[in-house]
Amino acid sequence: MTEAKTLGIRTPVGILDITISRRAVHRAAFHGVRVRARPTKELEPLWERVRRQIEDYFSGKRKTFTLPLDPDPPGTAFQQAVWKALGEIPHGQVISYGDLARWAGRPGAARAAGAACGANRIPILIPCHRVVAKSGSLGGFGGGLEIKAALLRREHGA
């Protein structure tokens, strides 16, 4: 990743720091601190798309994202398969870690699928918050369970 910058967006669930380069989004992290940072001229076109899509998601106008993603680090082949499968979970729905493992081509690898969710460096855009434990409990989330619950409530219209 070259010439990347981390910028912040205020969301209803907290500040979301987004790391972008001219060509892609590389990372996103809740509990961010970068709200005052400004994009460079070369990053501005992608930044405006990212900002607008995140704002539209939180206002309920957007259910999917159409942004170029390049996770940093890129992940193993299985992690990439899991991240691709995460993008197939419809907005407002959840699946179990076991279902996710099946979708990623490794039935019975629920724990590995959970670990791949934990390695996801671009939450929301790669929607790992839509995966829960088979029992229905939330499981985990890098941004914290309160944020995961809030995201799921927003998507379910509650």
N, C-alpha and C. Protein backbone atom coordinates (compact mmCIF):
# COMPACT_ATOMS: atom_id res chain seq x y z
N MET A 1 0.86 -1.16 0.00
CA MET A 1 0.00 0.00 0.00
C MET A 1 0.91 1.23 0.00
N THR A 2 0.71 2.11 -0.96
CA THR A 2 1.52 3.32 -1.03
C THR A 2 0.62 4.54 -1.00
N GLU A 3 1.18 5.63 -0.48
CA GLU A 3 0.49 6.92 -0.47
C GLU A 3 -0.92 6.84 0.12
N ALA A 4 -1.05 6.13 1.21
CA ALA A 4 -2.35 6.01 1.86
C ALA A 4 -2.46 7.02 2.98
N LYS A 5 -3.69 7.37 3.30
CA LYS A 5 -3.95 8.31 4.38
C LYS A 5 -5.18 7.82 5.13
N THR A 6 -5.18 8.05 6.44
CA THR A 6 -6.32 7.69 7.27
C THR A 6 -7.12 8.94 7.57
N LEU A 7 -8.42 8.85 7.28
CA LEU A 7 -9.35 9.96 7.47
C LEU A 7 -10.53 9.45 8.28
N GLY A 8 -11.21 10.32 8.98
CA GLY A 8 -12.31 9.89 9.83
C GLY A 8 -13.66 10.42 9.38
N ILE A 9 -14.67 9.61 9.67
CA ILE A 9 -16.06 9.98 9.39
C ILE A 9 -16.83 9.81 10.69
N ARG A 10 -17.57 10.84 11.07
CA ARG A 10 -18.47 10.74 12.23
C ARG A 10 -19.69 9.93 11.80
N THR A 11 -20.01 8.90 12.56
CA THR A 11 -21.20 8.09 12.29
C THR A 11 -22.04 8.06 13.56
N PRO A 12 -23.27 7.62 13.47
CA PRO A 12 -24.12 7.53 14.67
C PRO A 12 -23.59 6.55 15.72
N VAL A 13 -22.66 5.66 15.34
CA VAL A 13 -22.12 4.70 16.30
C VAL A 13 -20.68 5.01 16.69
N GLY A 14 -20.17 6.14 16.27
CA GLY A 14 -18.81 6.53 16.62
C GLY A 14 -18.02 6.94 15.39
N ILE A 15 -16.81 7.38 15.63
CA ILE A 15 -15.94 7.79 14.53
C ILE A 15 -15.37 6.55 13.85
N LEU A 16 -15.45 6.54 12.54
CA LEU A 16 -14.92 5.45 11.73
C LEU A 16 -13.73 5.99 10.96
N ASP A 17 -12.53 5.49 11.29
CA ASP A 17 -11.33 5.86 10.56
C ASP A 17 -11.22 4.97 9.33
N ILE A 18 -10.97 5.58 8.18
CA ILE A 18 -10.85 4.86 6.92
C ILE A 18 -9.49 5.17 6.32
N THR A 19 -8.74 4.13 5.97
CA THR A 19 -7.45 4.30 5.31
C THR A 19 -7.64 4.03 3.83
N ILE A 20 -7.29 5.04 3.01
CA ILE A 20 -7.46 4.91 1.57
C ILE A 20 -6.18 5.32 0.85
N SER A 21 -6.04 4.79 -0.34
CA SER A 21 -5.04 5.27 -1.29
C SER A 21 -5.83 5.83 -2.47
N ARG A 22 -5.16 6.23 -3.48
CA ARG A 22 -5.85 6.77 -4.66
C ARG A 22 -6.74 5.70 -5.30
N ARG A 23 -6.37 4.44 -5.14
CA ARG A 23 -7.06 3.37 -5.86
C ARG A 23 -8.04 2.53 -5.05
N ALA A 24 -7.94 2.54 -3.69
CA ALA A 24 -8.80 1.62 -2.93
C ALA A 24 -8.88 2.00 -1.46
N VAL A 25 -9.88 1.38 -0.79
CA VAL A 25 -10.00 1.43 0.67
C VAL A 25 -9.19 0.25 1.21
N HIS A 26 -8.35 0.51 2.21
CA HIS A 26 -7.48 -0.54 2.75
C HIS A 26 -7.84 -0.97 4.16
N ARG A 27 -8.38 -0.06 4.95
CA ARG A 27 -8.73 -0.37 6.34
C ARG A 27 -9.87 0.53 6.80
N ALA A 28 -10.57 0.04 7.82
CA ALA A 28 -11.58 0.85 8.51
C ALA A 28 -11.55 0.41 9.96
N ALA A 29 -11.68 1.35 10.88
CA ALA A 29 -11.65 1.00 12.30
C ALA A 29 -12.54 1.95 13.08
N PHE A 30 -13.36 1.36 13.94
CA PHE A 30 -14.18 2.18 14.83
C PHE A 30 -13.32 2.70 15.97
N HIS A 31 -13.88 3.63 16.72
CA HIS A 31 -13.20 4.32 17.81
C HIS A 31 -12.08 5.18 17.24
N GLY A 32 -12.32 5.71 16.04
CA GLY A 32 -11.31 6.51 15.36
C GLY A 32 -11.13 7.88 15.97
N VAL A 33 -10.12 8.56 15.44
CA VAL A 33 -9.76 9.87 15.97
C VAL A 33 -9.46 10.88 14.87
N ARG A 34 -9.64 10.52 13.62
CA ARG A 34 -9.13 11.32 12.50
C ARG A 34 -10.13 12.29 11.88
N VAL A 35 -11.15 12.71 12.58
CA VAL A 35 -12.20 13.53 11.97
C VAL A 35 -11.66 14.82 11.35
N ARG A 36 -10.66 15.40 11.91
CA ARG A 36 -10.15 16.68 11.39
C ARG A 36 -9.21 16.53 10.20
N ALA A 37 -8.73 15.33 9.90
CA ALA A 37 -7.81 15.12 8.78
C ALA A 37 -8.52 15.42 7.46
N ARG A 38 -7.79 15.92 6.51
CA ARG A 38 -8.32 16.26 5.18
C ARG A 38 -7.64 15.40 4.13
N PRO A 39 -8.35 15.01 3.08
CA PRO A 39 -7.72 14.22 2.02
C PRO A 39 -6.79 15.09 1.18
N THR A 40 -5.77 14.45 0.64
CA THR A 40 -4.93 15.15 -0.34
C THR A 40 -5.73 15.26 -1.63
N LYS A 41 -5.30 16.09 -2.52
CA LYS A 41 -6.00 16.30 -3.79
C LYS A 41 -6.16 14.98 -4.56
N GLU A 42 -5.12 14.14 -4.55
CA GLU A 42 -5.21 12.88 -5.29
C GLU A 42 -6.17 11.88 -4.63
N LEU A 43 -6.38 12.00 -3.33
CA LEU A 43 -7.30 11.08 -2.63
C LEU A 43 -8.74 11.57 -2.61
N GLU A 44 -8.93 12.84 -2.91
CA GLU A 44 -10.25 13.45 -2.78
C GLU A 44 -11.36 12.73 -3.56
N PRO A 45 -11.15 12.31 -4.82
CA PRO A 45 -12.26 11.65 -5.54
C PRO A 45 -12.75 10.38 -4.84
N LEU A 46 -11.84 9.52 -4.43
CA LEU A 46 -12.27 8.30 -3.74
C LEU A 46 -12.83 8.63 -2.36
N TRP A 47 -12.20 9.57 -1.66
CA TRP A 47 -12.69 9.94 -0.34
C TRP A 47 -14.13 10.42 -0.39
N GLU A 48 -14.46 11.22 -1.37
CA GLU A 48 -15.84 11.72 -1.49
C GLU A 48 -16.81 10.58 -1.72
N ARG A 49 -16.43 9.60 -2.53
CA ARG A 49 -17.29 8.41 -2.73
C ARG A 49 -17.47 7.65 -1.43
N VAL A 50 -16.36 7.43 -0.71
CA VAL A 50 -16.42 6.70 0.56
C VAL A 50 -17.32 7.43 1.55
N ARG A 51 -17.05 8.71 1.74
CA ARG A 51 -17.81 9.52 2.69
C ARG A 51 -19.31 9.49 2.37
N ARG A 52 -19.63 9.70 1.10
CA ARG A 52 -21.03 9.73 0.68
C ARG A 52 -21.70 8.37 0.91
N GLN A 53 -21.01 7.27 0.56
CA GLN A 53 -21.61 5.95 0.72
C GLN A 53 -21.79 5.58 2.19
N ILE A 54 -20.83 5.94 3.03
CA ILE A 54 -20.97 5.68 4.48
C ILE A 54 -22.14 6.49 5.04
N GLU A 55 -22.21 7.75 4.68
CA GLU A 55 -23.33 8.58 5.15
C GLU A 55 -24.66 8.04 4.65
N ASP A 56 -24.72 7.61 3.40
CA ASP A 56 -25.96 7.04 2.86
C ASP A 56 -26.33 5.75 3.57
N TYR A 57 -25.34 4.93 3.92
CA TYR A 57 -25.60 3.69 4.66
C TYR A 57 -26.26 4.02 6.00
N PHE A 58 -25.68 4.96 6.73
CA PHE A 58 -26.21 5.28 8.05
C PHE A 58 -27.54 6.02 7.99
N SER A 59 -27.84 6.68 6.88
CA SER A 59 -29.14 7.34 6.77
C SER A 59 -30.21 6.40 6.22
N GLY A 60 -29.83 5.16 5.90
CA GLY A 60 -30.78 4.17 5.40
C GLY A 60 -30.99 4.21 3.90
N LYS A 61 -30.24 5.04 3.17
CA LYS A 61 -30.39 5.15 1.72
C LYS A 61 -29.57 4.12 0.96
N ARG A 62 -28.62 3.46 1.63
CA ARG A 62 -27.72 2.53 0.94
C ARG A 62 -27.68 1.21 1.69
N LYS A 63 -27.75 0.11 0.92
CA LYS A 63 -27.67 -1.22 1.50
C LYS A 63 -26.39 -1.95 1.12
N THR A 64 -25.78 -1.56 0.02
CA THR A 64 -24.53 -2.17 -0.43
C THR A 64 -23.54 -1.06 -0.80
N PHE A 65 -22.28 -1.42 -0.81
CA PHE A 65 -21.23 -0.47 -1.15
C PHE A 65 -20.63 -0.83 -2.50
N THR A 66 -20.24 0.19 -3.24
CA THR A 66 -19.62 0.00 -4.55
C THR A 66 -18.29 0.73 -4.56
N LEU A 67 -17.41 0.32 -3.66
CA LEU A 67 -16.11 0.95 -3.52
C LEU A 67 -15.01 -0.07 -3.80
N PRO A 68 -13.89 0.36 -4.34
CA PRO A 68 -12.78 -0.57 -4.54
C PRO A 68 -12.14 -0.88 -3.19
N LEU A 69 -11.99 -2.17 -2.89
CA LEU A 69 -11.43 -2.60 -1.62
C LEU A 69 -10.13 -3.36 -1.85
N ASP A 70 -9.16 -3.11 -1.00
CA ASP A 70 -7.88 -3.81 -1.05
C ASP A 70 -7.41 -3.97 0.39
N PRO A 71 -7.94 -5.01 1.09
CA PRO A 71 -7.62 -5.17 2.51
C PRO A 71 -6.11 -5.20 2.76
N ASP A 72 -5.71 -4.57 3.86
CA ASP A 72 -4.31 -4.53 4.26
C ASP A 72 -4.22 -5.04 5.69
N PRO A 73 -3.61 -6.22 5.91
CA PRO A 73 -2.99 -7.11 4.94
C PRO A 73 -4.02 -7.84 4.09
N PRO A 74 -3.56 -8.43 2.96
CA PRO A 74 -4.51 -9.01 2.01
C PRO A 74 -5.20 -10.28 2.47
N GLY A 75 -4.70 -10.97 3.46
CA GLY A 75 -5.35 -12.17 3.96
C GLY A 75 -4.95 -13.43 3.22
N THR A 76 -5.20 -14.56 3.86
CA THR A 76 -4.95 -15.86 3.25
C THR A 76 -6.04 -16.16 2.22
N ALA A 77 -5.87 -17.23 1.49
CA ALA A 77 -6.89 -17.62 0.51
C ALA A 77 -8.23 -17.87 1.21
N PHE A 78 -8.21 -18.54 2.38
CA PHE A 78 -9.46 -18.80 3.09
C PHE A 78 -10.08 -17.49 3.61
N GLN A 79 -9.26 -16.61 4.17
CA GLN A 79 -9.79 -15.33 4.63
C GLN A 79 -10.43 -14.57 3.48
N GLN A 80 -9.79 -14.57 2.33
CA GLN A 80 -10.36 -13.89 1.17
C GLN A 80 -11.69 -14.52 0.76
N ALA A 81 -11.78 -15.85 0.84
CA ALA A 81 -13.04 -16.52 0.51
C ALA A 81 -14.14 -16.13 1.51
N VAL A 82 -13.77 -16.04 2.78
CA VAL A 82 -14.73 -15.62 3.81
C VAL A 82 -15.16 -14.19 3.57
N TRP A 83 -14.22 -13.30 3.28
CA TRP A 83 -14.56 -11.89 3.06
C TRP A 83 -15.47 -11.74 1.85
N LYS A 84 -15.22 -12.54 0.83
CA LYS A 84 -16.09 -12.51 -0.36
C LYS A 84 -17.50 -12.98 0.04
N ALA A 85 -17.57 -14.06 0.81
CA ALA A 85 -18.87 -14.58 1.26
C ALA A 85 -19.60 -13.57 2.13
N LEU A 86 -18.87 -12.82 2.95
CA LEU A 86 -19.51 -11.79 3.79
C LEU A 86 -20.26 -10.78 2.93
N GLY A 87 -19.69 -10.45 1.78
CA GLY A 87 -20.32 -9.50 0.89
C GLY A 87 -21.61 -10.01 0.27
N GLU A 88 -21.87 -11.30 0.40
CA GLU A 88 -23.08 -11.90 -0.15
C GLU A 88 -24.22 -11.97 0.86
N ILE A 89 -23.95 -11.62 2.11
CA ILE A 89 -25.01 -11.64 3.12
C ILE A 89 -25.89 -10.41 2.88
N PRO A 90 -27.16 -10.61 2.64
CA PRO A 90 -28.04 -9.46 2.36
C PRO A 90 -28.14 -8.51 3.54
N HIS A 91 -28.26 -7.26 3.24
CA HIS A 91 -28.47 -6.20 4.23
C HIS A 91 -29.67 -6.57 5.08
N GLY A 92 -29.54 -6.43 6.39
CA GLY A 92 -30.65 -6.71 7.29
C GLY A 92 -30.78 -8.16 7.69
N GLN A 93 -29.89 -9.02 7.22
CA GLN A 93 -29.95 -10.44 7.57
C GLN A 93 -28.66 -10.84 8.28
N VAL A 94 -28.72 -11.92 9.02
CA VAL A 94 -27.54 -12.47 9.67
C VAL A 94 -27.44 -13.95 9.33
N ILE A 95 -26.22 -14.46 9.40
CA ILE A 95 -25.98 -15.89 9.25
C ILE A 95 -25.05 -16.31 10.39
N SER A 96 -24.92 -17.62 10.58
CA SER A 96 -24.03 -18.12 11.63
C SER A 96 -22.62 -18.28 11.07
N TYR A 97 -21.67 -18.41 11.99
CA TYR A 97 -20.29 -18.66 11.58
C TYR A 97 -20.18 -19.97 10.80
N GLY A 98 -20.99 -20.97 11.19
CA GLY A 98 -21.01 -22.25 10.47
C GLY A 98 -21.51 -22.08 9.04
N ASP A 99 -22.58 -21.29 8.88
CA ASP A 99 -23.08 -21.01 7.53
C ASP A 99 -22.03 -20.27 6.71
N LEU A 100 -21.36 -19.33 7.34
CA LEU A 100 -20.32 -18.58 6.65
C LEU A 100 -19.20 -19.50 6.18
N ALA A 101 -18.80 -20.44 7.02
CA ALA A 101 -17.75 -21.40 6.64
C ALA A 101 -18.20 -22.20 5.42
N ARG A 102 -19.46 -22.64 5.42
CA ARG A 102 -19.99 -23.37 4.26
C ARG A 102 -19.97 -22.50 3.01
N TRP A 103 -20.43 -21.25 3.14
CA TRP A 103 -20.44 -20.33 2.00
C TRP A 103 -19.04 -20.12 1.45
N ALA A 104 -18.04 -20.18 2.34
CA ALA A 104 -16.65 -19.95 1.93
C ALA A 104 -15.97 -21.24 1.45
N GLY A 105 -16.73 -22.34 1.43
CA GLY A 105 -16.19 -23.58 0.89
C GLY A 105 -15.52 -24.50 1.89
N ARG A 106 -15.68 -24.25 3.19
CA ARG A 106 -15.07 -25.11 4.21
C ARG A 106 -16.08 -25.46 5.29
N PRO A 107 -17.05 -26.34 4.96
CA PRO A 107 -18.03 -26.74 5.97
C PRO A 107 -17.32 -27.27 7.22
N GLY A 108 -17.83 -26.94 8.38
CA GLY A 108 -17.24 -27.42 9.62
C GLY A 108 -16.13 -26.52 10.15
N ALA A 109 -15.81 -25.47 9.44
CA ALA A 109 -14.71 -24.58 9.85
C ALA A 109 -15.26 -23.28 10.44
N ALA A 110 -16.27 -23.41 11.31
CA ALA A 110 -16.91 -22.22 11.88
C ALA A 110 -15.92 -21.36 12.65
N ARG A 111 -15.05 -21.98 13.43
CA ARG A 111 -14.07 -21.19 14.20
C ARG A 111 -13.10 -20.47 13.28
N ALA A 112 -12.68 -21.14 12.23
CA ALA A 112 -11.78 -20.49 11.26
C ALA A 112 -12.48 -19.34 10.55
N ALA A 113 -13.77 -19.52 10.27
CA ALA A 113 -14.55 -18.44 9.65
C ALA A 113 -14.65 -17.26 10.62
N GLY A 114 -14.84 -17.55 11.90
CA GLY A 114 -14.88 -16.50 12.91
C GLY A 114 -13.55 -15.77 13.00
N ALA A 115 -12.45 -16.53 12.92
CA ALA A 115 -11.12 -15.90 12.94
C ALA A 115 -10.92 -15.02 11.71
N ALA A 116 -11.44 -15.46 10.57
CA ALA A 116 -11.34 -14.65 9.34
C ALA A 116 -12.15 -13.36 9.49
N CYS A 117 -13.30 -13.46 10.15
CA CYS A 117 -14.07 -12.24 10.42
C CYS A 117 -13.25 -11.29 11.30
N GLY A 118 -12.57 -11.85 12.30
CA GLY A 118 -11.75 -11.04 13.18
C GLY A 118 -10.57 -10.40 12.47
N ALA A 119 -10.13 -11.02 11.37
CA ALA A 119 -9.01 -10.48 10.59
C ALA A 119 -9.46 -9.48 9.53
N ASN A 120 -10.76 -9.31 9.39
CA ASN A 120 -11.31 -8.36 8.41
C ASN A 120 -10.89 -6.95 8.80
N ARG A 121 -10.18 -6.27 7.92
CA ARG A 121 -9.70 -4.93 8.21
C ARG A 121 -10.61 -3.83 7.66
N ILE A 122 -11.74 -4.23 7.05
CA ILE A 122 -12.64 -3.23 6.47
C ILE A 122 -14.08 -3.52 6.90
N PRO A 123 -14.36 -3.42 8.23
CA PRO A 123 -15.74 -3.68 8.67
C PRO A 123 -16.71 -2.68 8.06
N ILE A 124 -17.93 -3.05 8.03
CA ILE A 124 -19.07 -2.39 7.39
C ILE A 124 -18.98 -2.59 5.88
N LEU A 125 -17.89 -2.18 5.25
CA LEU A 125 -17.76 -2.35 3.80
C LEU A 125 -17.67 -3.84 3.47
N ILE A 126 -16.97 -4.60 4.29
CA ILE A 126 -17.01 -6.07 4.27
C ILE A 126 -17.78 -6.42 5.54
N PRO A 127 -19.07 -6.73 5.41
CA PRO A 127 -20.00 -6.71 6.55
C PRO A 127 -19.92 -7.90 7.51
N CYS A 128 -18.82 -7.98 8.25
CA CYS A 128 -18.66 -9.07 9.21
C CYS A 128 -19.62 -8.95 10.39
N HIS A 129 -20.22 -7.78 10.57
CA HIS A 129 -21.19 -7.60 11.67
C HIS A 129 -22.45 -8.43 11.44
N ARG A 130 -22.65 -8.96 10.25
CA ARG A 130 -23.85 -9.74 9.93
C ARG A 130 -23.70 -11.22 10.27
N VAL A 131 -22.63 -11.58 10.97
CA VAL A 131 -22.40 -12.97 11.35
C VAL A 131 -22.53 -13.09 12.86
N VAL A 132 -23.32 -14.07 13.29
CA VAL A 132 -23.57 -14.29 14.71
C VAL A 132 -23.33 -15.77 15.04
N ALA A 133 -23.26 -16.05 16.33
CA ALA A 133 -23.10 -17.43 16.77
C ALA A 133 -24.37 -18.23 16.46
N LYS A 134 -24.21 -19.52 16.33
CA LYS A 134 -25.35 -20.40 16.05
C LYS A 134 -26.44 -20.26 17.11
N SER A 135 -26.03 -19.99 18.34
CA SER A 135 -26.98 -19.83 19.45
C SER A 135 -27.79 -18.54 19.34
N GLY A 136 -27.35 -17.65 18.44
CA GLY A 136 -28.01 -16.36 18.30
C GLY A 136 -27.29 -15.24 19.02
N SER A 137 -26.30 -15.59 19.85
CA SER A 137 -25.53 -14.52 20.51
C SER A 137 -24.70 -13.79 19.45
N LEU A 138 -24.26 -12.61 19.78
CA LEU A 138 -23.58 -11.77 18.80
C LEU A 138 -22.25 -12.31 18.33
N GLY A 139 -21.57 -13.10 19.13
CA GLY A 139 -20.23 -13.53 18.76
C GLY A 139 -19.26 -12.42 19.08
N GLY A 140 -18.43 -12.03 18.13
CA GLY A 140 -17.45 -10.97 18.36
C GLY A 140 -17.55 -9.90 17.29
N PHE A 141 -16.78 -8.81 17.52
CA PHE A 141 -16.69 -7.73 16.54
C PHE A 141 -15.56 -6.81 16.98
N GLY A 142 -14.67 -6.50 16.06
CA GLY A 142 -13.51 -5.67 16.38
C GLY A 142 -13.86 -4.30 16.91
N GLY A 143 -14.99 -3.76 16.51
CA GLY A 143 -15.42 -2.45 16.97
C GLY A 143 -16.12 -2.50 18.31
N GLY A 144 -16.34 -3.71 18.82
CA GLY A 144 -17.05 -3.89 20.08
C GLY A 144 -18.48 -4.36 19.85
N LEU A 145 -19.00 -5.11 20.80
CA LEU A 145 -20.34 -5.69 20.64
C LEU A 145 -21.44 -4.64 20.64
N GLU A 146 -21.23 -3.52 21.33
CA GLU A 146 -22.25 -2.46 21.32
C GLU A 146 -22.42 -1.90 19.91
N ILE A 147 -21.31 -1.72 19.21
CA ILE A 147 -21.38 -1.21 17.83
C ILE A 147 -21.99 -2.25 16.91
N LYS A 148 -21.61 -3.53 17.09
CA LYS A 148 -22.19 -4.58 16.26
C LYS A 148 -23.71 -4.62 16.44
N ALA A 149 -24.15 -4.58 17.68
CA ALA A 149 -25.59 -4.59 17.96
C ALA A 149 -26.28 -3.38 17.33
N ALA A 150 -25.65 -2.22 17.43
CA ALA A 150 -26.24 -1.00 16.85
C ALA A 150 -26.34 -1.11 15.33
N LEU A 151 -25.31 -1.66 14.70
CA LEU A 151 -25.35 -1.83 13.24
C LEU A 151 -26.48 -2.78 12.84
N LEU A 152 -26.61 -3.87 13.57
CA LEU A 152 -27.67 -4.83 13.25
C LEU A 152 -29.06 -4.23 13.48
N ARG A 153 -29.21 -3.46 14.55
CA ARG A 153 -30.50 -2.79 14.78
C ARG A 153 -30.82 -1.84 13.63
N ARG A 154 -29.84 -1.07 13.19
CA ARG A 154 -30.05 -0.13 12.07
C ARG A 154 -30.49 -0.88 10.82
N GLU A 155 -29.83 -1.99 10.55
CA GLU A 155 -30.16 -2.74 9.34
C GLU A 155 -31.51 -3.43 9.43
N HIS A 156 -31.92 -3.78 10.62
CA HIS A 156 -33.23 -4.41 10.80
C HIS A 156 -34.35 -3.39 10.94
N GLY A 157 -33.99 -2.10 10.89
CA GLY A 157 -34.99 -1.07 10.96
C GLY A 157 -35.54 -0.79 12.34
N ALA A 158 -34.84 -1.30 13.36
CA ALA A 158 -35.33 -1.07 14.75
C ALA A 158 -34.86 0.27 15.27
